[in-house]
Amino acid sequence: MLLAILISNFAGNILLERFNGVPSEERLHWRTFLVKLGADNLKGARNEELFVSSQKSVYIVYTVLGGVCIYIVGKDEYDELALTEVMFVITSSIKDACGKSPSERLFLDKYGKICLCLDEIVWKGILENTEKDRIRRLIGLKPPNPTEI
């Protein structure tokens, strides 16, 4: 199961988080731990350079993408190799939604589209879609027709 997807800026402020199967009382611990892990290891990291860590029975893959840090936590069948694949899908979808590697501002400008992408990629802690074209097609929203309102 994918336990968490967390995206922060370099200052450690959480921009987006998704938890699956993590009790609410443990979420603060995970937020703090992941941001500290990134602060310790992501300084000077190249764009999309993957880092791997493990704590107890969970695996963590994290990276820098433009002006944001992305963390993915998994357990059981989602080991470091599977999380690497999930990270690739998420980073390519974010770049696709933003048109390039996002700065923090661009990430926040495209926040809604990025959330839709994550919803299509991961569903209840399970990897759902990995094909970029399918994800793009699924998130395509049409504006409401004013005559139908």
C-alpha atoms as a PDB file:
ATOM      1  CA  MET A   1       0.000   0.000   0.000  1.00  0.00           C
ATOM      2  CA  LEU A   2       1.108   3.552  -0.713  1.00  0.00           C
ATOM      3  CA  LEU A   3       0.911   5.119   2.732  1.00  0.00           C
ATOM      4  CA  ALA A   4       1.713   8.718   1.849  1.00  0.00           C
ATOM      5  CA  ILE A   5       2.479  11.139  -0.923  1.00  0.00           C
ATOM      6  CA  LEU A   6       3.778  14.427   0.374  1.00  0.00           C
ATOM      7  CA  ILE A   7       4.973  17.462  -1.579  1.00  0.00           C
ATOM      8  CA  SER A   8       6.717  20.367   0.140  1.00  0.00           C
ATOM      9  CA  ASN A   9       8.762  23.413  -0.722  1.00  0.00           C
ATOM     10  CA  PHE A  10      12.431  23.723   0.267  1.00  0.00           C
ATOM     11  CA  ALA A  11      11.496  25.568   3.473  1.00  0.00           C
ATOM     12  CA  GLY A  12       9.594  22.476   4.650  1.00  0.00           C
ATOM     13  CA  ASN A  13       6.076  23.847   4.163  1.00  0.00           C
ATOM     14  CA  ILE A  14       3.661  21.139   3.040  1.00  0.00           C
ATOM     15  CA  LEU A  15       2.038  22.006  -0.282  1.00  0.00           C
ATOM     16  CA  LEU A  16       0.110  18.761  -0.789  1.00  0.00           C
ATOM     17  CA  GLU A  17      -0.335  15.560   1.171  1.00  0.00           C
ATOM     18  CA  ARG A  18      -2.240  12.337   0.693  1.00  0.00           C
ATOM     19  CA  PHE A  19      -2.336   9.674   3.396  1.00  0.00           C
ATOM     20  CA  ASN A  20      -3.804   6.193   2.989  1.00  0.00           C
ATOM     21  CA  GLY A  21      -4.200   3.864   5.939  1.00  0.00           C
ATOM     22  CA  VAL A  22      -2.230   6.139   8.282  1.00  0.00           C
ATOM     23  CA  PRO A  23      -4.018   7.009  11.528  1.00  0.00           C
ATOM     24  CA  SER A  24      -4.478  10.745  12.012  1.00  0.00           C
ATOM     25  CA  GLU A  25      -2.387  10.720  15.199  1.00  0.00           C
ATOM     26  CA  GLU A  26       0.633   9.403  13.205  1.00  0.00           C
ATOM     27  CA  ARG A  27       0.398  11.905  10.357  1.00  0.00           C
ATOM     28  CA  LEU A  28       2.214  14.709  12.185  1.00  0.00           C
ATOM     29  CA  HIS A  29       5.090  12.326  12.878  1.00  0.00           C
ATOM     30  CA  TRP A  30       5.314  11.426   9.176  1.00  0.00           C
ATOM     31  CA  ARG A  31       5.150  15.070   8.064  1.00  0.00           C
ATOM     32  CA  THR A  32       7.934  16.040  10.452  1.00  0.00           C
ATOM     33  CA  PHE A  33      10.068  13.009   9.648  1.00  0.00           C
ATOM     34  CA  LEU A  34       9.820  13.383   5.855  1.00  0.00           C
ATOM     35  CA  VAL A  35      10.525  17.117   5.832  1.00  0.00           C
ATOM     36  CA  LYS A  36      13.566  16.601   8.088  1.00  0.00           C
ATOM     37  CA  LEU A  37      14.743  13.730   5.881  1.00  0.00           C
ATOM     38  CA  GLY A  38      14.549  16.003   2.852  1.00  0.00           C
ATOM     39  CA  ALA A  39      16.243  18.917   4.616  1.00  0.00           C
ATOM     40  CA  ASP A  40      19.143  16.637   5.568  1.00  0.00           C
ATOM     41  CA  ASN A  41      19.585  14.961   2.180  1.00  0.00           C
ATOM     42  CA  LEU A  42      18.149  17.049  -0.658  1.00  0.00           C
ATOM     43  CA  LYS A  43      20.451  20.075  -0.395  1.00  0.00           C
ATOM     44  CA  GLY A  44      22.349  20.259  -3.680  1.00  0.00           C
ATOM     45  CA  ALA A  45      20.432  17.339  -5.188  1.00  0.00           C
ATOM     46  CA  ARG A  46      19.964  17.304  -8.938  1.00  0.00           C
ATOM     47  CA  ASN A  47      16.489  17.569 -10.408  1.00  0.00           C
ATOM     48  CA  GLU A  48      14.747  14.148 -10.282  1.00  0.00           C
ATOM     49  CA  GLU A  49      17.684  12.457  -8.558  1.00  0.00           C
ATOM     50  CA  LEU A  50      16.051   9.711  -6.482  1.00  0.00           C
ATOM     51  CA  PHE A  51      16.875   9.026  -2.840  1.00  0.00           C
ATOM     52  CA  VAL A  52      15.782   5.897  -0.985  1.00  0.00           C
ATOM     53  CA  SER A  53      15.333   5.289   2.718  1.00  0.00           C
ATOM     54  CA  SER A  54      13.595   2.764   4.919  1.00  0.00           C
ATOM     55  CA  GLN A  55      12.249   2.929   8.429  1.00  0.00           C
ATOM     56  CA  LYS A  56      11.009  -0.218  10.129  1.00  0.00           C
ATOM     57  CA  SER A  57       8.855  -1.982   7.504  1.00  0.00           C
ATOM     58  CA  VAL A  58       8.225   0.980   5.198  1.00  0.00           C
ATOM     59  CA  TYR A  59      10.132   2.314   2.215  1.00  0.00           C
ATOM     60  CA  ILE A  60      10.572   5.954   1.261  1.00  0.00           C
ATOM     61  CA  VAL A  61      11.561   7.369  -2.126  1.00  0.00           C
ATOM     62  CA  TYR A  62      12.030  11.107  -2.432  1.00  0.00           C
ATOM     63  CA  THR A  63      13.332  13.628  -4.925  1.00  0.00           C
ATOM     64  CA  VAL A  64      13.492  17.270  -5.972  1.00  0.00           C
ATOM     65  CA  LEU A  65      11.435  18.435  -8.931  1.00  0.00           C
ATOM     66  CA  GLY A  66      12.056  22.083  -9.773  1.00  0.00           C
ATOM     67  CA  GLY A  67      11.106  24.060  -6.673  1.00  0.00           C
ATOM     68  CA  VAL A  68       9.338  21.267  -4.784  1.00  0.00           C
ATOM     69  CA  CYS A  69      10.322  18.103  -2.907  1.00  0.00           C
ATOM     70  CA  ILE A  70       8.271  14.938  -3.435  1.00  0.00           C
ATOM     71  CA  TYR A  71       8.123  12.085  -0.904  1.00  0.00           C
ATOM     72  CA  ILE A  72       6.399   8.718  -1.371  1.00  0.00           C
ATOM     73  CA  VAL A  73       6.023   6.196   1.449  1.00  0.00           C
ATOM     74  CA  GLY A  74       5.011   2.582   0.816  1.00  0.00           C
ATOM     75  CA  LYS A  75       4.949  -0.807   2.481  1.00  0.00           C
ATOM     76  CA  ASP A  76       4.423  -4.456   1.582  1.00  0.00           C
ATOM     77  CA  GLU A  77       4.448  -4.809  -2.226  1.00  0.00           C
ATOM     78  CA  TYR A  78       5.424  -1.136  -2.633  1.00  0.00           C
ATOM     79  CA  ASP A  79       9.147  -1.551  -2.014  1.00  0.00           C
ATOM     80  CA  GLU A  80      11.806   0.868  -3.256  1.00  0.00           C
ATOM     81  CA  LEU A  81      11.616  -0.465  -6.820  1.00  0.00           C
ATOM     82  CA  ALA A  82       7.837  -0.094  -7.059  1.00  0.00           C
ATOM     83  CA  LEU A  83       8.010   3.348  -5.424  1.00  0.00           C
ATOM     84  CA  THR A  84      10.556   4.406  -8.040  1.00  0.00           C
ATOM     85  CA  GLU A  85       7.998   3.605 -10.743  1.00  0.00           C
ATOM     86  CA  VAL A  86       5.302   5.529  -8.849  1.00  0.00           C
ATOM     87  CA  MET A  87       7.692   8.485  -8.494  1.00  0.00           C
ATOM     88  CA  PHE A  88       8.388   8.459 -12.232  1.00  0.00           C
ATOM     89  CA  VAL A  89       4.651   8.566 -13.033  1.00  0.00           C
ATOM     90  CA  ILE A  90       4.005  11.356 -10.515  1.00  0.00           C
ATOM     91  CA  THR A  91       6.940  13.519 -11.611  1.00  0.00           C
ATOM     92  CA  SER A  92       6.106  13.149 -15.305  1.00  0.00           C
ATOM     93  CA  SER A  93       2.441  13.991 -14.622  1.00  0.00           C
ATOM     94  CA  ILE A  94       3.387  17.074 -12.611  1.00  0.00           C
ATOM     95  CA  LYS A  95       5.756  18.228 -15.356  1.00  0.00           C
ATOM     96  CA  ASP A  96       3.008  17.580 -17.904  1.00  0.00           C
ATOM     97  CA  ALA A  97       0.440  19.526 -15.859  1.00  0.00           C
ATOM     98  CA  CYS A  98       2.823  22.450 -15.384  1.00  0.00           C
ATOM     99  CA  GLY A  99       4.480  22.333 -18.796  1.00  0.00           C
ATOM    100  CA  LYS A 100       7.949  22.052 -17.185  1.00  0.00           C
ATOM    101  CA  SER A 101       9.587  21.326 -13.840  1.00  0.00           C
ATOM    102  CA  PRO A 102       7.540  23.488 -11.485  1.00  0.00           C
ATOM    103  CA  SER A 103       8.650  26.309  -9.282  1.00  0.00           C
ATOM    104  CA  GLU A 104       6.686  26.550  -6.045  1.00  0.00           C
ATOM    105  CA  ARG A 105       4.519  29.280  -7.560  1.00  0.00           C
ATOM    106  CA  LEU A 106       3.793  27.298 -10.743  1.00  0.00           C
ATOM    107  CA  PHE A 107       2.984  24.241  -8.632  1.00  0.00           C
ATOM    108  CA  LEU A 108       0.427  26.232  -6.635  1.00  0.00           C
ATOM    109  CA  ASP A 109      -1.010  27.779  -9.818  1.00  0.00           C
ATOM    110  CA  LYS A 110      -1.595  24.276 -11.227  1.00  0.00           C
ATOM    111  CA  TYR A 111      -2.620  22.776  -7.873  1.00  0.00           C
ATOM    112  CA  GLY A 112      -6.082  21.643  -8.990  1.00  0.00           C
ATOM    113  CA  LYS A 113      -4.800  19.878 -12.084  1.00  0.00           C
ATOM    114  CA  ILE A 114      -2.009  18.217 -10.085  1.00  0.00           C
ATOM    115  CA  CYS A 115      -4.554  16.952  -7.519  1.00  0.00           C
ATOM    116  CA  LEU A 116      -6.632  15.468 -10.334  1.00  0.00           C
ATOM    117  CA  CYS A 117      -3.516  13.743 -11.689  1.00  0.00           C
ATOM    118  CA  LEU A 118      -2.736  12.247  -8.275  1.00  0.00           C
ATOM    119  CA  ASP A 119      -6.338  11.067  -7.949  1.00  0.00           C
ATOM    120  CA  GLU A 120      -6.005   9.193 -11.243  1.00  0.00           C
ATOM    121  CA  ILE A 121      -2.570   7.755 -10.423  1.00  0.00           C
ATOM    122  CA  VAL A 122      -3.268   6.526  -6.872  1.00  0.00           C
ATOM    123  CA  TRP A 123      -6.629   5.322  -5.581  1.00  0.00           C
ATOM    124  CA  LYS A 124      -6.987   4.346  -1.911  1.00  0.00           C
ATOM    125  CA  GLY A 125      -3.284   3.557  -1.621  1.00  0.00           C
ATOM    126  CA  ILE A 126      -3.104   1.450  -4.779  1.00  0.00           C
ATOM    127  CA  LEU A 127      -1.329   2.437  -7.992  1.00  0.00           C
ATOM    128  CA  GLU A 128      -4.152   2.828 -10.505  1.00  0.00           C
ATOM    129  CA  ASN A 129      -2.814   4.398 -13.730  1.00  0.00           C
ATOM    130  CA  THR A 130       0.714   4.720 -15.055  1.00  0.00           C
ATOM    131  CA  GLU A 131       0.147   5.771 -18.667  1.00  0.00           C
ATOM    132  CA  LYS A 132       0.601   9.497 -19.209  1.00  0.00           C
ATOM    133  CA  ASP A 133      -1.865   9.687 -22.124  1.00  0.00           C
ATOM    134  CA  ARG A 134      -4.577   7.886 -20.157  1.00  0.00           C
ATOM    135  CA  ILE A 135      -4.066  10.163 -17.135  1.00  0.00           C
ATOM    136  CA  ARG A 136      -4.201  13.238 -19.362  1.00  0.00           C
ATOM    137  CA  ARG A 137      -7.436  11.968 -20.930  1.00  0.00           C
ATOM    138  CA  LEU A 138      -9.019  11.166 -17.559  1.00  0.00           C
ATOM    139  CA  ILE A 139      -8.333  14.587 -16.055  1.00  0.00           C
ATOM    140  CA  GLY A 140      -9.574  16.494 -19.074  1.00  0.00           C
ATOM    141  CA  LEU A 141     -12.360  18.652 -17.723  1.00  0.00           C
ATOM    142  CA  LYS A 142     -14.771  20.629 -19.815  1.00  0.00           C
ATOM    143  CA  PRO A 143     -15.994  23.941 -18.435  1.00  0.00           C
ATOM    144  CA  PRO A 144     -19.716  23.941 -17.692  1.00  0.00           C
ATOM    145  CA  ASN A 145     -21.955  25.223 -20.466  1.00  0.00           C
ATOM    146  CA  PRO A 146     -23.505  28.491 -19.184  1.00  0.00           C
ATOM    147  CA  THR A 147     -26.793  27.731 -20.984  1.00  0.00           C
ATOM    148  CA  GLU A 148     -27.210  24.505 -18.982  1.00  0.00           C
ATOM    149  CA  ILE A 149     -26.832  26.161 -15.583  1.00  0.00           C
END
